[in-house]
N, C-alpha and C. Protein backbone atom coordinates (compact mmCIF):
# COMPACT_ATOMS: atom_id res chain seq x y z
N MET A 1 16.81 54.98 32.36
CA MET A 1 16.81 53.86 33.27
C MET A 1 18.17 53.84 33.96
N SER A 2 18.15 53.49 35.23
CA SER A 2 19.39 53.43 35.98
C SER A 2 19.38 52.23 36.90
N TYR A 3 20.58 51.85 37.33
CA TYR A 3 20.72 50.74 38.27
C TYR A 3 20.89 51.31 39.66
N LYS A 4 20.16 50.76 40.61
CA LYS A 4 20.25 51.22 41.99
C LYS A 4 20.09 50.01 42.89
N SER A 5 21.03 49.81 43.78
CA SER A 5 20.98 48.68 44.70
C SER A 5 20.15 49.07 45.91
N GLU A 6 19.09 48.29 46.18
CA GLU A 6 18.23 48.56 47.33
C GLU A 6 17.87 47.25 48.01
N THR A 7 17.48 47.33 49.25
CA THR A 7 17.06 46.13 49.97
C THR A 7 15.61 45.81 49.63
N ILE A 8 15.26 44.56 49.81
CA ILE A 8 13.87 44.14 49.59
C ILE A 8 12.95 44.90 50.54
N ALA A 9 13.39 45.07 51.79
CA ALA A 9 12.57 45.78 52.79
C ALA A 9 12.29 47.22 52.36
N ALA A 10 13.23 47.84 51.68
CA ALA A 10 13.02 49.22 51.22
C ALA A 10 12.07 49.30 50.03
N ILE A 11 12.06 48.27 49.21
CA ILE A 11 11.25 48.28 47.99
C ILE A 11 9.80 47.85 48.23
N LEU A 12 9.58 46.87 49.08
CA LEU A 12 8.23 46.32 49.27
C LEU A 12 7.14 47.36 49.51
N PRO A 13 7.34 48.36 50.36
CA PRO A 13 6.26 49.34 50.57
C PRO A 13 5.92 50.16 49.33
N ARG A 14 6.82 50.20 48.34
CA ARG A 14 6.59 51.01 47.14
C ARG A 14 6.00 50.23 45.98
N ILE A 15 5.86 48.91 46.12
CA ILE A 15 5.28 48.10 45.06
C ILE A 15 3.81 48.51 44.90
N ASN A 16 3.40 48.77 43.69
CA ASN A 16 2.04 49.18 43.32
C ASN A 16 1.64 50.56 43.84
N THR A 17 2.62 51.33 44.32
CA THR A 17 2.36 52.73 44.65
C THR A 17 3.31 53.62 43.88
N THR A 18 4.59 53.28 43.90
CA THR A 18 5.61 54.00 43.14
C THR A 18 6.18 53.12 42.04
N TYR A 19 6.34 51.85 42.33
CA TYR A 19 6.86 50.89 41.36
C TYR A 19 5.74 49.98 40.89
N PHE A 20 5.69 49.74 39.58
CA PHE A 20 4.65 48.91 39.00
C PHE A 20 5.27 47.86 38.09
N LEU A 21 4.64 46.70 38.01
CA LEU A 21 5.04 45.70 37.04
C LEU A 21 4.56 46.19 35.68
N PRO A 22 5.46 46.36 34.73
CA PRO A 22 5.04 46.91 33.43
C PRO A 22 3.95 46.05 32.78
N ALA A 23 3.01 46.70 32.12
CA ALA A 23 1.92 45.98 31.45
C ALA A 23 2.45 45.10 30.34
N MET A 24 3.61 45.46 29.76
CA MET A 24 4.14 44.65 28.68
C MET A 24 4.90 43.43 29.20
N GLN A 25 5.05 43.34 30.51
CA GLN A 25 5.69 42.16 31.11
C GLN A 25 4.72 40.99 31.03
N ARG A 26 5.22 39.84 30.62
CA ARG A 26 4.33 38.68 30.57
C ARG A 26 3.97 38.25 31.99
N GLU A 27 2.84 37.62 32.12
CA GLU A 27 2.40 37.16 33.43
C GLU A 27 3.37 36.12 33.96
N PHE A 28 3.42 36.00 35.25
CA PHE A 28 4.34 35.06 35.86
C PHE A 28 3.59 34.21 36.88
N ILE A 29 4.01 32.98 36.98
CA ILE A 29 3.43 32.07 37.97
C ILE A 29 4.58 31.31 38.59
N TRP A 30 4.75 31.47 39.89
CA TRP A 30 5.80 30.76 40.61
C TRP A 30 5.15 29.68 41.45
N THR A 31 5.79 28.53 41.47
CA THR A 31 5.31 27.47 42.35
C THR A 31 5.74 27.80 43.77
N GLU A 32 5.12 27.14 44.72
CA GLU A 32 5.48 27.34 46.13
C GLU A 32 6.96 27.02 46.35
N GLU A 33 7.45 25.99 45.68
CA GLU A 33 8.85 25.60 45.82
C GLU A 33 9.79 26.69 45.30
N GLN A 34 9.41 27.33 44.19
CA GLN A 34 10.25 28.40 43.64
C GLN A 34 10.29 29.61 44.57
N VAL A 35 9.16 29.95 45.17
CA VAL A 35 9.12 31.06 46.12
C VAL A 35 10.01 30.75 47.32
N CYS A 36 9.90 29.53 47.83
CA CYS A 36 10.74 29.11 48.97
C CYS A 36 12.22 29.15 48.61
N ALA A 37 12.55 28.72 47.40
CA ALA A 37 13.95 28.72 46.96
C ALA A 37 14.48 30.15 46.86
N LEU A 38 13.65 31.09 46.38
CA LEU A 38 14.08 32.48 46.31
C LEU A 38 14.37 33.02 47.70
N PHE A 39 13.45 32.81 48.64
CA PHE A 39 13.66 33.32 50.00
C PHE A 39 14.84 32.63 50.67
N ASP A 40 15.04 31.36 50.39
CA ASP A 40 16.20 30.65 50.92
C ASP A 40 17.49 31.30 50.41
N SER A 41 17.53 31.61 49.12
CA SER A 41 18.70 32.27 48.54
C SER A 41 18.94 33.64 49.16
N VAL A 42 17.86 34.39 49.37
CA VAL A 42 17.98 35.72 49.97
C VAL A 42 18.52 35.60 51.39
N MET A 43 17.96 34.68 52.17
CA MET A 43 18.38 34.52 53.57
C MET A 43 19.83 34.04 53.68
N ARG A 44 20.29 33.28 52.70
CA ARG A 44 21.68 32.80 52.71
C ARG A 44 22.64 33.81 52.09
N ARG A 45 22.07 34.95 51.69
CA ARG A 45 22.85 36.03 51.07
C ARG A 45 23.50 35.61 49.75
N TYR A 46 22.85 34.67 49.05
CA TYR A 46 23.31 34.30 47.71
C TYR A 46 22.95 35.44 46.76
N PRO A 47 23.77 35.66 45.76
CA PRO A 47 23.40 36.69 44.78
C PRO A 47 22.17 36.24 43.98
N ILE A 48 21.27 37.15 43.77
CA ILE A 48 20.08 36.85 42.96
C ILE A 48 20.07 37.83 41.79
N SER A 49 19.30 37.51 40.81
CA SER A 49 19.21 38.33 39.62
C SER A 49 18.57 39.68 39.94
N SER A 50 18.63 40.57 39.01
CA SER A 50 18.03 41.89 39.17
C SER A 50 16.52 41.82 39.02
N PHE A 51 15.85 42.74 39.64
CA PHE A 51 14.42 42.93 39.45
C PHE A 51 14.25 44.21 38.64
N LEU A 52 13.37 44.19 37.68
CA LEU A 52 13.13 45.36 36.86
C LEU A 52 11.80 45.97 37.28
N PHE A 53 11.83 47.23 37.71
CA PHE A 53 10.63 47.94 38.11
C PHE A 53 10.41 49.11 37.18
N TRP A 54 9.16 49.42 36.97
CA TRP A 54 8.78 50.55 36.15
C TRP A 54 8.38 51.67 37.10
N GLN A 55 9.19 52.72 37.17
CA GLN A 55 8.89 53.83 38.05
C GLN A 55 8.08 54.86 37.27
N VAL A 56 6.85 55.06 37.69
CA VAL A 56 5.93 55.97 37.00
C VAL A 56 5.96 57.32 37.71
N PRO A 57 6.24 58.40 36.97
CA PRO A 57 6.23 59.73 37.59
C PRO A 57 4.85 60.04 38.17
N THR A 58 4.83 60.77 39.26
CA THR A 58 3.58 61.09 39.95
C THR A 58 2.54 61.67 39.01
N GLU A 59 2.95 62.59 38.14
CA GLU A 59 1.99 63.25 37.25
C GLU A 59 1.41 62.30 36.20
N ALA A 60 2.05 61.17 35.96
CA ALA A 60 1.57 60.22 34.95
C ALA A 60 0.72 59.11 35.54
N ARG A 61 0.65 59.01 36.85
CA ARG A 61 -0.08 57.90 37.47
C ARG A 61 -1.58 57.95 37.22
N ASP A 62 -2.11 59.12 36.98
CA ASP A 62 -3.54 59.24 36.73
C ASP A 62 -3.90 58.93 35.28
N ASP A 63 -2.91 58.83 34.42
CA ASP A 63 -3.14 58.54 33.00
C ASP A 63 -3.22 57.03 32.81
N VAL A 64 -4.27 56.44 33.35
CA VAL A 64 -4.40 54.98 33.33
C VAL A 64 -4.89 54.46 31.99
N GLU A 65 -5.41 55.33 31.14
CA GLU A 65 -5.93 54.87 29.85
C GLU A 65 -4.85 54.17 29.04
N ALA A 66 -3.68 54.77 28.94
CA ALA A 66 -2.57 54.16 28.19
C ALA A 66 -2.12 52.87 28.86
N TYR A 67 -2.03 52.89 30.17
CA TYR A 67 -1.60 51.69 30.91
C TYR A 67 -2.59 50.55 30.71
N GLU A 68 -3.89 50.85 30.79
CA GLU A 68 -4.91 49.81 30.62
C GLU A 68 -4.88 49.25 29.20
N PHE A 69 -4.63 50.10 28.20
CA PHE A 69 -4.53 49.63 26.82
C PHE A 69 -3.37 48.64 26.69
N LEU A 70 -2.20 49.00 27.21
CA LEU A 70 -1.04 48.10 27.13
C LEU A 70 -1.31 46.80 27.87
N HIS A 71 -1.98 46.89 29.00
CA HIS A 71 -2.31 45.69 29.78
C HIS A 71 -3.25 44.78 28.98
N SER A 72 -4.25 45.36 28.32
CA SER A 72 -5.19 44.56 27.52
C SER A 72 -4.49 43.88 26.36
N VAL A 73 -3.64 44.61 25.66
CA VAL A 73 -2.90 44.03 24.54
C VAL A 73 -2.02 42.89 25.03
N ASN A 74 -1.30 43.13 26.10
CA ASN A 74 -0.40 42.11 26.64
C ASN A 74 -1.17 40.88 27.10
N LYS A 75 -2.30 41.09 27.74
CA LYS A 75 -3.09 39.97 28.25
C LYS A 75 -3.58 39.09 27.10
N SER A 76 -4.02 39.71 26.01
CA SER A 76 -4.51 38.91 24.88
C SER A 76 -3.36 38.17 24.20
N ARG A 77 -2.17 38.74 24.17
CA ARG A 77 -1.01 38.07 23.58
C ARG A 77 -0.58 36.86 24.40
N ASN A 78 -0.73 36.95 25.70
CA ASN A 78 -0.19 35.92 26.58
C ASN A 78 -1.13 34.74 26.82
N ARG A 79 -2.27 34.72 26.22
CA ARG A 79 -3.20 33.62 26.45
C ARG A 79 -2.67 32.29 25.89
N ALA A 80 -1.80 32.35 24.90
CA ALA A 80 -1.29 31.13 24.27
C ALA A 80 -0.56 30.25 25.27
N HIS A 81 0.12 30.85 26.24
CA HIS A 81 0.88 30.03 27.20
C HIS A 81 -0.04 29.28 28.17
N LEU A 82 -1.32 29.63 28.18
CA LEU A 82 -2.25 28.95 29.08
C LEU A 82 -2.76 27.63 28.49
N ALA A 83 -2.59 27.45 27.20
CA ALA A 83 -3.07 26.22 26.55
C ALA A 83 -2.27 25.03 27.04
N ARG A 84 -2.97 23.97 27.32
CA ARG A 84 -2.30 22.74 27.77
C ARG A 84 -2.15 21.82 26.57
N LEU A 85 -0.94 21.40 26.32
CA LEU A 85 -0.67 20.51 25.19
C LEU A 85 -0.57 19.08 25.65
C-alpha cells in the first residue's frame, strides 16, 4: 500500500473500474447535509481526510468469487447497525 496525492477529478473516472470500495468496508450512509459539507470543504480548499481505495490488479478482477464471498460476510455482519433502538 502506498500514499499518492491525486485530485478528485482524476480519481472519479476510475471508481468501480480500477478502484473499488473494499468488501470488508462497512456500509456508509451520508446525509445530504454531510455531502454538502464535504463539497463545501473541497471548494474552500480545506484539508480533508484521506480516502482509502482498493486497487485490484487487472488479472484479479475476474476472480469475483472471493470478492462476493467477502461482500456477503461483511453484509451479514453489518445488519446490526440497521436496527432501530
